[in-house]
Amino acid sequence: MSTNRTFTMLKPDALESGQAGNIIQMILDAGFSIKAMKYTRLSEDQAKKFYEVHAERPFYGELVEYMTSGPIIAAILEKENAVADFRTLIGATNPADAAEGTIRKKYAESLAKNAVHGSDSDDNAKIEGEFHFSAAEIF
């Protein structure tokens, strides 16, 4: 069963390139409302825990290093069919494969520096949102 909320992070490359405002505008233009948002920086321990599902993958160390290399913007978004619609909006993980007009096609640098994270399921959206936000920070 789908829910109406998803989680996203604008990654260090999106902030470093100055595209955060454009990405947030694309999210709003797509009909999402922001229910929680923060500008922060992940510690190494936080990044390891957030990405622990990938701990056995060969890119895990590089992913943790990259995600701690600069600030991020974390957000909980709301819209009907949020997870699926947001995955469509951001595009394929590899920007070379992303559809025209998607966030990753427009703003990602590479497979590793792909501008934005989007939850891949309703369960993960809830887990990821609660990882970054307390109940008092979610509206």
Protein backbone atom coordinates (compact mmCIF):
# COMPACT_ATOMS: atom_id res chain seq x y z
CA MET A 1 0.00 0.00 0.00
CA SER A 2 1.43 3.36 -0.96
CA THR A 3 1.57 6.30 1.40
CA ASN A 4 1.63 10.01 0.78
CA ARG A 5 5.13 10.70 2.14
CA THR A 6 8.66 10.11 0.98
CA PHE A 7 12.15 11.12 2.04
CA THR A 8 14.86 12.88 0.06
CA MET A 9 18.35 14.23 0.53
CA LEU A 10 19.94 16.78 -1.73
CA LYS A 11 23.50 15.50 -1.83
CA PRO A 12 26.78 17.39 -1.42
CA ASP A 13 27.30 17.77 -5.18
CA ALA A 14 23.92 19.47 -5.61
CA LEU A 15 24.72 21.96 -2.87
CA GLU A 16 28.30 22.53 -4.02
CA SER A 17 27.12 23.29 -7.56
CA GLY A 18 24.54 25.78 -6.28
CA GLN A 19 21.57 23.83 -7.63
CA ALA A 20 19.69 23.19 -4.37
CA GLY A 21 17.18 26.00 -4.98
CA ASN A 22 16.47 24.79 -8.52
CA ILE A 23 15.97 21.22 -7.31
CA ILE A 24 13.64 22.30 -4.51
CA GLN A 25 11.66 24.36 -7.02
CA MET A 26 11.32 21.30 -9.29
CA ILE A 27 10.03 19.31 -6.30
CA LEU A 28 7.45 21.99 -5.46
CA ASP A 29 6.45 22.40 -9.12
CA ALA A 30 5.79 18.65 -9.24
CA GLY A 31 3.14 19.07 -6.54
CA PHE A 32 5.05 17.94 -3.47
CA SER A 33 4.73 19.81 -0.20
CA ILE A 34 7.57 19.93 2.32
CA LYS A 35 6.68 18.48 5.72
CA ALA A 36 10.19 18.68 7.21
CA MET A 37 13.49 20.11 5.98
CA LYS A 38 16.96 20.70 7.36
CA TYR A 39 20.36 21.81 6.16
CA THR A 40 22.92 19.62 7.87
CA ARG A 41 26.07 17.59 7.48
CA LEU A 42 26.25 13.86 8.09
CA SER A 43 28.92 12.55 10.43
CA GLU A 44 30.80 9.44 9.35
CA ASP A 45 28.82 7.37 11.88
CA GLN A 46 25.50 8.75 10.61
CA ALA A 47 26.41 8.07 6.97
CA LYS A 48 27.54 4.53 7.81
CA LYS A 49 24.29 3.84 9.64
CA PHE A 50 22.09 5.43 6.97
CA TYR A 51 23.76 3.42 4.19
CA GLU A 52 24.37 0.22 6.19
CA VAL A 53 22.20 -1.69 3.71
CA HIS A 54 25.12 -1.22 1.27
CA ALA A 55 27.88 -2.15 3.77
CA GLU A 56 28.93 -5.25 1.83
CA ARG A 57 28.96 -3.48 -1.54
CA PRO A 58 32.29 -2.38 -3.02
CA PHE A 59 31.21 1.29 -3.23
CA TYR A 60 30.19 1.60 0.45
CA GLY A 61 33.36 3.31 1.66
CA GLU A 62 33.33 5.81 -1.19
CA LEU A 63 29.62 6.48 -0.61
CA VAL A 64 30.18 7.23 3.08
CA GLU A 65 33.17 9.45 2.25
CA TYR A 66 31.19 11.34 -0.39
CA MET A 67 28.07 11.82 1.77
CA THR A 68 30.19 13.30 4.57
CA SER A 69 32.18 15.57 2.23
CA GLY A 70 29.79 18.51 2.50
CA PRO A 71 26.37 19.61 3.69
CA ILE A 72 23.11 18.02 2.60
CA ILE A 73 19.47 19.05 2.70
CA ALA A 74 17.19 16.37 4.13
CA ALA A 75 13.44 16.59 3.61
CA ILE A 76 10.18 14.75 4.04
CA LEU A 77 7.82 15.35 1.14
CA GLU A 78 4.11 14.78 0.81
CA LYS A 79 1.98 14.08 -2.24
CA GLU A 80 -0.42 11.37 -3.38
CA ASN A 81 1.67 8.32 -4.38
CA ALA A 82 4.78 10.12 -3.07
CA VAL A 83 7.45 7.42 -3.36
CA ALA A 84 6.69 6.40 -6.93
CA ASP A 85 6.09 9.95 -8.14
CA PHE A 86 9.31 11.18 -6.56
CA ARG A 87 11.32 8.30 -8.06
CA THR A 88 9.94 9.33 -11.45
CA LEU A 89 10.84 12.98 -10.82
CA ILE A 90 14.44 12.24 -9.85
CA GLY A 91 15.13 9.78 -12.67
CA ALA A 92 17.48 6.83 -12.97
CA THR A 93 20.41 6.56 -10.56
CA ASN A 94 22.80 6.94 -13.47
CA PRO A 95 22.11 10.37 -14.98
CA ALA A 96 23.13 9.04 -18.41
CA ASP A 97 20.08 6.76 -18.22
CA ALA A 98 17.73 9.33 -16.65
CA ALA A 99 14.79 10.64 -18.65
CA GLU A 100 14.88 14.19 -19.98
CA GLY A 101 13.49 16.72 -17.53
CA THR A 102 14.31 14.69 -14.42
CA ILE A 103 16.37 16.08 -11.56
CA ARG A 104 19.28 13.73 -12.18
CA LYS A 105 19.32 14.37 -15.92
CA LYS A 106 19.48 18.11 -15.28
CA TYR A 107 21.71 18.30 -12.20
CA ALA A 108 23.63 15.07 -11.52
CA GLU A 109 27.33 14.91 -12.33
CA SER A 110 27.76 11.13 -12.45
CA LEU A 111 26.53 7.81 -11.12
CA ALA A 112 28.32 8.51 -7.82
CA LYS A 113 27.43 12.21 -7.66
CA ASN A 114 23.79 11.97 -8.64
CA ALA A 115 22.45 15.07 -6.85
CA VAL A 116 19.58 13.57 -4.88
CA HIS A 117 18.46 10.56 -2.87
CA GLY A 118 14.89 9.31 -2.99
CA SER A 119 13.39 6.54 -0.89
CA ASP A 120 12.73 3.36 -2.82
CA SER A 121 9.73 2.15 -0.80
CA ASP A 122 7.12 3.37 1.65
CA ASP A 123 8.80 1.44 4.46
CA ASN A 124 12.20 2.98 3.71
CA ALA A 125 10.66 6.45 3.40
CA LYS A 126 9.38 6.13 6.96
CA ILE A 127 12.68 4.73 8.28
CA GLU A 128 14.79 7.33 6.48
CA GLY A 129 12.55 10.22 7.51
CA GLU A 130 12.66 9.15 11.15
CA PHE A 131 16.45 8.78 10.92
CA HIS A 132 16.79 12.49 10.15
CA PHE A 133 13.82 14.07 11.93
CA SER A 134 12.17 13.86 15.33
CA ALA A 135 8.38 13.83 15.50
CA ALA A 136 8.45 17.49 16.60
CA GLU A 137 10.24 18.47 13.37
CA ILE A 138 7.68 16.90 11.03
CA PHE A 139 4.59 18.90 10.13
